[in-house]
Amino acid sequence: MLRQSFRSELDQLDQELIRMGALVEEQIRRAVRSLTGRDVVLAEQVVLDDDRVDAMEMDIERRCLTLLALQQPLAGDLRIVSTILKIITDLERMADHAVDIAKVTLRLREELFVKPLIDIPEMARLSSSMVRLALNAYIHRSLDEALTMIRLDDDVDHLYARIFDDLQNLMRERPETVLQATHLLFVANYIERVADHATNLGEWVIYMVTGERKDLND
């Protein structure tokens, strides 16, 4: 009966984790959409919804700690609970970066863009896809899916390098663009950090399945 209760609680935690991940993924997409569309209302909603992410993290953390205290899981199950605790921390930080992007939208609300935003939305698409793929890898306990997802980080890094070079060149050629271009560099950095956190999720899945820690975020 105790074991059945433990498995039931783990199943519920899986569901809550996926709900939190889906909200974070949506936060990332909405934040970038608010920027590209200069949508102040959407940006403000992203900021407000960060409280929901924080509340979900706190609830999942509380339930994990209660489970550890009451059930004393064995090695394999202990790794699952530990992985959940690590994943929700990375998800919460991703949501913080979505808020950072939304705040840039609010700062630039009255400005025309100094250049078309093409690579930033593509970076965001790849990064949010990494989040979804990482969560799928967790649910399926799949090493292959985790490793496939992690490889996308190289594509994000290449886009980030291109954005960095383009904006640096723009600032040199047109000094009046420095302030806005700096904000856009921040946005690119926030998105790159989301991809790094998604890579962390993949690393935690690998740990959960194999018991081995691998640093793939370099």
C-alpha atoms as a PDB file:
ATOM      1  CA  MET A   1       0.000   0.000   0.000  1.00  0.00           C
ATOM      2  CA  LEU A   2       2.847   2.390   0.851  1.00  0.00           C
ATOM      3  CA  ARG A   3       4.544   1.661  -2.476  1.00  0.00           C
ATOM      4  CA  GLN A   4       1.299   2.194  -4.370  1.00  0.00           C
ATOM      5  CA  SER A   5       0.803   5.530  -2.641  1.00  0.00           C
ATOM      6  CA  PHE A   6       4.364   6.542  -3.559  1.00  0.00           C
ATOM      7  CA  ARG A   7       3.873   5.703  -7.252  1.00  0.00           C
ATOM      8  CA  SER A   8       0.570   7.576  -7.287  1.00  0.00           C
ATOM      9  CA  GLU A   9       2.226  10.669  -5.833  1.00  0.00           C
ATOM     10  CA  LEU A  10       5.062  10.427  -8.368  1.00  0.00           C
ATOM     11  CA  ASP A  11       2.530  10.244 -11.206  1.00  0.00           C
ATOM     12  CA  GLN A  12       0.827  13.377  -9.872  1.00  0.00           C
ATOM     13  CA  LEU A  13       4.183  15.156  -9.612  1.00  0.00           C
ATOM     14  CA  ASP A  14       4.924  14.227 -13.232  1.00  0.00           C
ATOM     15  CA  GLN A  15       1.646  15.820 -14.278  1.00  0.00           C
ATOM     16  CA  GLU A  16       2.323  18.981 -12.275  1.00  0.00           C
ATOM     17  CA  LEU A  17       5.834  19.199 -13.694  1.00  0.00           C
ATOM     18  CA  ILE A  18       4.511  18.988 -17.248  1.00  0.00           C
ATOM     19  CA  ARG A  19       1.912  21.670 -16.483  1.00  0.00           C
ATOM     20  CA  MET A  20       4.608  23.936 -15.124  1.00  0.00           C
ATOM     21  CA  GLY A  21       6.828  23.253 -18.147  1.00  0.00           C
ATOM     22  CA  ALA A  22       3.986  23.989 -20.564  1.00  0.00           C
ATOM     23  CA  LEU A  23       3.329  27.311 -18.830  1.00  0.00           C
ATOM     24  CA  VAL A  24       7.015  28.246 -18.952  1.00  0.00           C
ATOM     25  CA  GLU A  25       7.227  27.315 -22.631  1.00  0.00           C
ATOM     26  CA  GLU A  26       4.205  29.502 -23.310  1.00  0.00           C
ATOM     27  CA  GLN A  27       5.731  32.331 -21.272  1.00  0.00           C
ATOM     28  CA  ILE A  28       8.827  32.272 -23.478  1.00  0.00           C
ATOM     29  CA  ARG A  29       6.769  32.340 -26.683  1.00  0.00           C
ATOM     30  CA  ARG A  30       4.504  35.123 -25.428  1.00  0.00           C
ATOM     31  CA  ALA A  31       7.411  37.232 -24.213  1.00  0.00           C
ATOM     32  CA  VAL A  32       9.102  37.169 -27.606  1.00  0.00           C
ATOM     33  CA  ARG A  33       5.774  37.690 -29.376  1.00  0.00           C
ATOM     34  CA  SER A  34       5.173  40.740 -27.181  1.00  0.00           C
ATOM     35  CA  LEU A  35       8.549  42.102 -28.277  1.00  0.00           C
ATOM     36  CA  THR A  36       8.193  41.471 -32.003  1.00  0.00           C
ATOM     37  CA  GLY A  37       4.637  42.864 -31.977  1.00  0.00           C
ATOM     38  CA  ARG A  38       5.401  45.619 -29.449  1.00  0.00           C
ATOM     39  CA  ASP A  39       2.409  44.260 -27.537  1.00  0.00           C
ATOM     40  CA  VAL A  40       2.456  45.968 -24.145  1.00  0.00           C
ATOM     41  CA  VAL A  41      -0.655  44.156 -22.857  1.00  0.00           C
ATOM     42  CA  LEU A  42       0.879  40.764 -23.622  1.00  0.00           C
ATOM     43  CA  ALA A  43       4.167  41.792 -22.004  1.00  0.00           C
ATOM     44  CA  GLU A  44       2.356  42.849 -18.849  1.00  0.00           C
ATOM     45  CA  GLN A  45       0.543  39.511 -18.775  1.00  0.00           C
ATOM     46  CA  VAL A  46       3.863  37.662 -18.974  1.00  0.00           C
ATOM     47  CA  VAL A  47       5.076  39.626 -15.959  1.00  0.00           C
ATOM     48  CA  LEU A  48       1.895  38.893 -14.010  1.00  0.00           C
ATOM     49  CA  ASP A  49       1.920  35.169 -14.840  1.00  0.00           C
ATOM     50  CA  ASP A  50       5.368  34.775 -13.328  1.00  0.00           C
ATOM     51  CA  ASP A  51       3.632  34.505  -9.954  1.00  0.00           C
ATOM     52  CA  ARG A  52       1.838  31.384 -11.235  1.00  0.00           C
ATOM     53  CA  VAL A  53       5.154  29.788 -12.159  1.00  0.00           C
ATOM     54  CA  ASP A  54       6.628  30.639  -8.766  1.00  0.00           C
ATOM     55  CA  ALA A  55       3.600  29.165  -6.987  1.00  0.00           C
ATOM     56  CA  MET A  56       3.847  25.956  -9.016  1.00  0.00           C
ATOM     57  CA  GLU A  57       7.538  25.618  -8.217  1.00  0.00           C
ATOM     58  CA  MET A  58       6.879  26.069  -4.492  1.00  0.00           C
ATOM     59  CA  ASP A  59       4.023  23.552  -4.498  1.00  0.00           C
ATOM     60  CA  ILE A  60       6.001  20.876  -6.362  1.00  0.00           C
ATOM     61  CA  GLU A  61       9.015  21.452  -4.130  1.00  0.00           C
ATOM     62  CA  ARG A  62       6.871  21.099  -0.998  1.00  0.00           C
ATOM     63  CA  ARG A  63       5.339  17.870  -2.251  1.00  0.00           C
ATOM     64  CA  CYS A  64       8.751  16.440  -3.184  1.00  0.00           C
ATOM     65  CA  LEU A  65      10.195  17.208   0.244  1.00  0.00           C
ATOM     66  CA  THR A  66       7.162  15.686   1.931  1.00  0.00           C
ATOM     67  CA  LEU A  67       7.558  12.571  -0.199  1.00  0.00           C
ATOM     68  CA  LEU A  68      11.232  12.285   0.727  1.00  0.00           C
ATOM     69  CA  ALA A  69      10.470  12.699   4.408  1.00  0.00           C
ATOM     70  CA  LEU A  70       7.567  10.258   4.597  1.00  0.00           C
ATOM     71  CA  GLN A  71       8.417   7.591   2.028  1.00  0.00           C
ATOM     72  CA  GLN A  72      12.234   7.370   2.158  1.00  0.00           C
ATOM     73  CA  PRO A  73      12.552   6.241  -1.500  1.00  0.00           C
ATOM     74  CA  LEU A  74      15.236   3.861  -2.699  1.00  0.00           C
ATOM     75  CA  ALA A  75      18.013   4.863  -5.113  1.00  0.00           C
ATOM     76  CA  GLY A  76      16.080   4.845  -8.411  1.00  0.00           C
ATOM     77  CA  ASP A  77      13.044   6.646  -7.036  1.00  0.00           C
ATOM     78  CA  LEU A  78      15.244   9.032  -5.104  1.00  0.00           C
ATOM     79  CA  ARG A  79      16.867  10.065  -8.385  1.00  0.00           C
ATOM     80  CA  ILE A  80      13.413  10.773  -9.840  1.00  0.00           C
ATOM     81  CA  VAL A  81      12.444  13.044  -6.961  1.00  0.00           C
ATOM     82  CA  SER A  82      15.848  14.751  -7.045  1.00  0.00           C
ATOM     83  CA  THR A  83      15.477  15.291 -10.789  1.00  0.00           C
ATOM     84  CA  ILE A  84      12.067  16.886 -10.322  1.00  0.00           C
ATOM     85  CA  LEU A  85      13.525  19.299  -7.756  1.00  0.00           C
ATOM     86  CA  LYS A  86      16.333  20.268 -10.137  1.00  0.00           C
ATOM     87  CA  ILE A  87      14.057  20.612 -13.163  1.00  0.00           C
ATOM     88  CA  ILE A  88      11.595  22.959 -11.463  1.00  0.00           C
ATOM     89  CA  THR A  89      14.483  25.220 -10.471  1.00  0.00           C
ATOM     90  CA  ASP A  90      15.607  25.479 -14.106  1.00  0.00           C
ATOM     91  CA  LEU A  91      12.023  26.028 -15.276  1.00  0.00           C
ATOM     92  CA  GLU A  92      11.541  28.859 -12.786  1.00  0.00           C
ATOM     93  CA  ARG A  93      14.704  30.549 -14.027  1.00  0.00           C
ATOM     94  CA  MET A  94      13.517  30.230 -17.623  1.00  0.00           C
ATOM     95  CA  ALA A  95      10.293  31.961 -16.624  1.00  0.00           C
ATOM     96  CA  ASP A  96      12.360  34.747 -15.052  1.00  0.00           C
ATOM     97  CA  HIS A  97      14.104  35.241 -18.401  1.00  0.00           C
ATOM     98  CA  ALA A  98      10.704  35.439 -20.124  1.00  0.00           C
ATOM     99  CA  VAL A  99       9.840  38.243 -17.707  1.00  0.00           C
ATOM    100  CA  ASP A 100      13.156  39.935 -18.524  1.00  0.00           C
ATOM    101  CA  ILE A 101      12.226  39.882 -22.220  1.00  0.00           C
ATOM    102  CA  ALA A 102       8.743  41.233 -21.491  1.00  0.00           C
ATOM    103  CA  LYS A 103      10.301  44.106 -19.550  1.00  0.00           C
ATOM    104  CA  VAL A 104      12.405  44.977 -22.609  1.00  0.00           C
ATOM    105  CA  THR A 105       9.137  45.150 -24.573  1.00  0.00           C
ATOM    106  CA  LEU A 106       7.831  47.657 -22.039  1.00  0.00           C
ATOM    107  CA  ARG A 107      11.008  49.729 -22.278  1.00  0.00           C
ATOM    108  CA  LEU A 108      10.941  49.813 -26.097  1.00  0.00           C
ATOM    109  CA  ARG A 109       7.184  50.260 -26.434  1.00  0.00           C
ATOM    110  CA  GLU A 110       7.429  53.606 -28.280  1.00  0.00           C
ATOM    111  CA  GLU A 111      10.396  52.746 -30.511  1.00  0.00           C
ATOM    112  CA  LEU A 112      10.674  51.421 -34.033  1.00  0.00           C
ATOM    113  CA  PHE A 113      13.181  48.619 -34.317  1.00  0.00           C
ATOM    114  CA  VAL A 114      16.606  49.559 -35.602  1.00  0.00           C
ATOM    115  CA  LYS A 115      16.604  46.372 -37.672  1.00  0.00           C
ATOM    116  CA  PRO A 116      14.070  43.638 -38.463  1.00  0.00           C
ATOM    117  CA  LEU A 117      13.818  40.992 -35.752  1.00  0.00           C
ATOM    118  CA  ILE A 118      14.459  37.727 -37.586  1.00  0.00           C
ATOM    119  CA  ASP A 119      17.079  35.749 -35.680  1.00  0.00           C
ATOM    120  CA  ILE A 120      15.720  36.561 -32.202  1.00  0.00           C
ATOM    121  CA  PRO A 121      12.307  34.938 -32.872  1.00  0.00           C
ATOM    122  CA  GLU A 122      14.063  31.933 -34.422  1.00  0.00           C
ATOM    123  CA  MET A 123      16.283  31.609 -31.360  1.00  0.00           C
ATOM    124  CA  ALA A 124      13.186  31.713 -29.183  1.00  0.00           C
ATOM    125  CA  ARG A 125      11.449  29.075 -31.298  1.00  0.00           C
ATOM    126  CA  LEU A 126      14.393  26.718 -30.940  1.00  0.00           C
ATOM    127  CA  SER A 127      14.755  27.374 -27.213  1.00  0.00           C
ATOM    128  CA  SER A 128      11.084  26.806 -26.436  1.00  0.00           C
ATOM    129  CA  SER A 129      11.214  23.638 -28.561  1.00  0.00           C
ATOM    130  CA  MET A 130      14.142  22.472 -26.445  1.00  0.00           C
ATOM    131  CA  VAL A 131      12.030  22.916 -23.321  1.00  0.00           C
ATOM    132  CA  ARG A 132       9.218  20.822 -24.793  1.00  0.00           C
ATOM    133  CA  LEU A 133      11.604  18.117 -26.015  1.00  0.00           C
ATOM    134  CA  ALA A 134      13.358  17.993 -22.644  1.00  0.00           C
ATOM    135  CA  LEU A 135      10.053  17.476 -20.862  1.00  0.00           C
ATOM    136  CA  ASN A 136       9.148  14.722 -23.341  1.00  0.00           C
ATOM    137  CA  ALA A 137      12.497  13.079 -22.596  1.00  0.00           C
ATOM    138  CA  TYR A 138      11.671  13.233 -18.893  1.00  0.00           C
ATOM    139  CA  ILE A 139       8.217  11.684 -19.327  1.00  0.00           C
ATOM    140  CA  HIS A 140       9.542   8.932 -21.607  1.00  0.00           C
ATOM    141  CA  ARG A 141      12.696   8.430 -19.503  1.00  0.00           C
ATOM    142  CA  SER A 142      14.502   8.618 -22.848  1.00  0.00           C
ATOM    143  CA  LEU A 143      18.251   9.119 -23.215  1.00  0.00           C
ATOM    144  CA  ASP A 144      17.933   9.430 -26.989  1.00  0.00           C
ATOM    145  CA  GLU A 145      15.379  12.231 -26.732  1.00  0.00           C
ATOM    146  CA  ALA A 146      17.476  14.053 -24.146  1.00  0.00           C
ATOM    147  CA  LEU A 147      20.611  13.879 -26.293  1.00  0.00           C
ATOM    148  CA  THR A 148      18.730  14.913 -29.444  1.00  0.00           C
ATOM    149  CA  MET A 149      17.334  17.939 -27.628  1.00  0.00           C
ATOM    150  CA  ILE A 150      20.712  18.962 -26.258  1.00  0.00           C
ATOM    151  CA  ARG A 151      22.200  19.066 -29.770  1.00  0.00           C
ATOM    152  CA  LEU A 152      19.817  21.908 -30.644  1.00  0.00           C
ATOM    153  CA  ASP A 153      21.768  24.113 -28.239  1.00  0.00           C
ATOM    154  CA  ASP A 154      24.486  24.425 -30.891  1.00  0.00           C
ATOM    155  CA  ASP A 155      21.963  25.973 -33.298  1.00  0.00           C
ATOM    156  CA  VAL A 156      20.897  28.453 -30.621  1.00  0.00           C
ATOM    157  CA  ASP A 157      24.521  29.352 -29.914  1.00  0.00           C
ATOM    158  CA  HIS A 158      25.204  29.960 -33.617  1.00  0.00           C
ATOM    159  CA  LEU A 159      22.213  32.285 -33.867  1.00  0.00           C
ATOM    160  CA  TYR A 160      23.296  34.101 -30.721  1.00  0.00           C
ATOM    161  CA  ALA A 161      26.780  34.662 -32.160  1.00  0.00           C
ATOM    162  CA  ARG A 162      25.264  36.035 -35.373  1.00  0.00           C
ATOM    163  CA  ILE A 163      22.934  38.377 -33.496  1.00  0.00           C
ATOM    164  CA  PHE A 164      25.805  39.562 -31.317  1.00  0.00           C
ATOM    165  CA  ASP A 165      27.995  40.333 -34.343  1.00  0.00           C
ATOM    166  CA  ASP A 166      25.169  42.035 -36.267  1.00  0.00           C
ATOM    167  CA  LEU A 167      24.200  44.289 -33.377  1.00  0.00           C
ATOM    168  CA  GLN A 168      27.802  45.121 -32.545  1.00  0.00           C
ATOM    169  CA  ASN A 169      28.383  46.161 -36.149  1.00  0.00           C
ATOM    170  CA  LEU A 170      25.181  48.195 -36.133  1.00  0.00           C
ATOM    171  CA  MET A 171      26.242  50.060 -32.997  1.00  0.00           C
ATOM    172  CA  ARG A 172      29.599  50.895 -34.546  1.00  0.00           C
ATOM    173  CA  GLU A 173      28.042  52.141 -37.776  1.00  0.00           C
ATOM    174  CA  ARG A 174      25.086  53.966 -36.162  1.00  0.00           C
ATOM    175  CA  PRO A 175      25.895  55.159 -32.631  1.00  0.00           C
ATOM    176  CA  GLU A 176      22.320  56.390 -32.155  1.00  0.00           C
ATOM    177  CA  THR A 177      21.177  52.763 -32.069  1.00  0.00           C
ATOM    178  CA  VAL A 178      23.368  51.803 -29.109  1.00  0.00           C
ATOM    179  CA  LEU A 179      20.670  51.887 -26.417  1.00  0.00           C
ATOM    180  CA  GLN A 180      18.095  49.819 -28.295  1.00  0.00           C
ATOM    181  CA  ALA A 181      20.699  47.449 -29.708  1.00  0.00           C
ATOM    182  CA  THR A 182      21.971  46.851 -26.177  1.00  0.00           C
ATOM    183  CA  HIS A 183      18.449  45.901 -25.052  1.00  0.00           C
ATOM    184  CA  LEU A 184      18.173  43.498 -27.998  1.00  0.00           C
ATOM    185  CA  LEU A 185      21.513  41.967 -27.046  1.00  0.00           C
ATOM    186  CA  PHE A 186      20.088  41.400 -23.578  1.00  0.00           C
ATOM    187  CA  VAL A 187      17.082  39.667 -25.126  1.00  0.00           C
ATOM    188  CA  ALA A 188      19.316  37.381 -27.181  1.00  0.00           C
ATOM    189  CA  ASN A 189      21.281  36.576 -24.038  1.00  0.00           C
ATOM    190  CA  TYR A 190      18.110  35.767 -22.100  1.00  0.00           C
ATOM    191  CA  ILE A 191      17.012  33.368 -24.833  1.00  0.00           C
ATOM    192  CA  GLU A 192      20.451  31.759 -24.944  1.00  0.00           C
ATOM    193  CA  ARG A 193      20.185  31.238 -21.187  1.00  0.00           C
ATOM    194  CA  VAL A 194      16.801  29.545 -21.664  1.00  0.00           C
ATOM    195  CA  ALA A 195      18.483  27.089 -24.029  1.00  0.00           C
ATOM    196  CA  ASP A 196      21.219  26.479 -21.443  1.00  0.00           C
ATOM    197  CA  HIS A 197      18.590  25.716 -18.802  1.00  0.00           C
ATOM    198  CA  ALA A 198      16.852  23.377 -21.250  1.00  0.00           C
ATOM    199  CA  THR A 199      20.187  21.605 -21.684  1.00  0.00           C
ATOM    200  CA  ASN A 200      20.312  21.281 -17.912  1.00  0.00           C
ATOM    201  CA  LEU A 201      16.953  19.511 -18.069  1.00  0.00           C
ATOM    202  CA  GLY A 202      18.424  17.015 -20.515  1.00  0.00           C
ATOM    203  CA  GLU A 203      21.384  16.444 -18.227  1.00  0.00           C
ATOM    204  CA  TRP A 204      19.029  15.764 -15.310  1.00  0.00           C
ATOM    205  CA  VAL A 205      17.076  13.265 -17.405  1.00  0.00           C
ATOM    206  CA  ILE A 206      20.335  11.464 -18.192  1.00  0.00           C
ATOM    207  CA  TYR A 207      21.157  11.421 -14.482  1.00  0.00           C
ATOM    208  CA  MET A 208      17.693  10.126 -13.608  1.00  0.00           C
ATOM    209  CA  VAL A 209      17.960   7.256 -16.086  1.00  0.00           C
ATOM    210  CA  THR A 210      21.619   6.294 -15.642  1.00  0.00           C
ATOM    211  CA  GLY A 211      22.683   7.670 -12.267  1.00  0.00           C
ATOM    212  CA  GLU A 212      25.571   9.484 -13.995  1.00  0.00           C
ATOM    213  CA  ARG A 213      26.113  13.251 -14.023  1.00  0.00           C
ATOM    214  CA  LYS A 214      27.237  14.604 -17.401  1.00  0.00           C
ATOM    215  CA  ASP A 215      28.065  18.258 -18.078  1.00  0.00           C
ATOM    216  CA  LEU A 216      26.894  18.857 -21.653  1.00  0.00           C
ATOM    217  CA  ASN A 217      26.397  22.602 -21.312  1.00  0.00           C
ATOM    218  CA  ASP A 218      29.698  23.974 -22.613  1.00  0.00           C
END
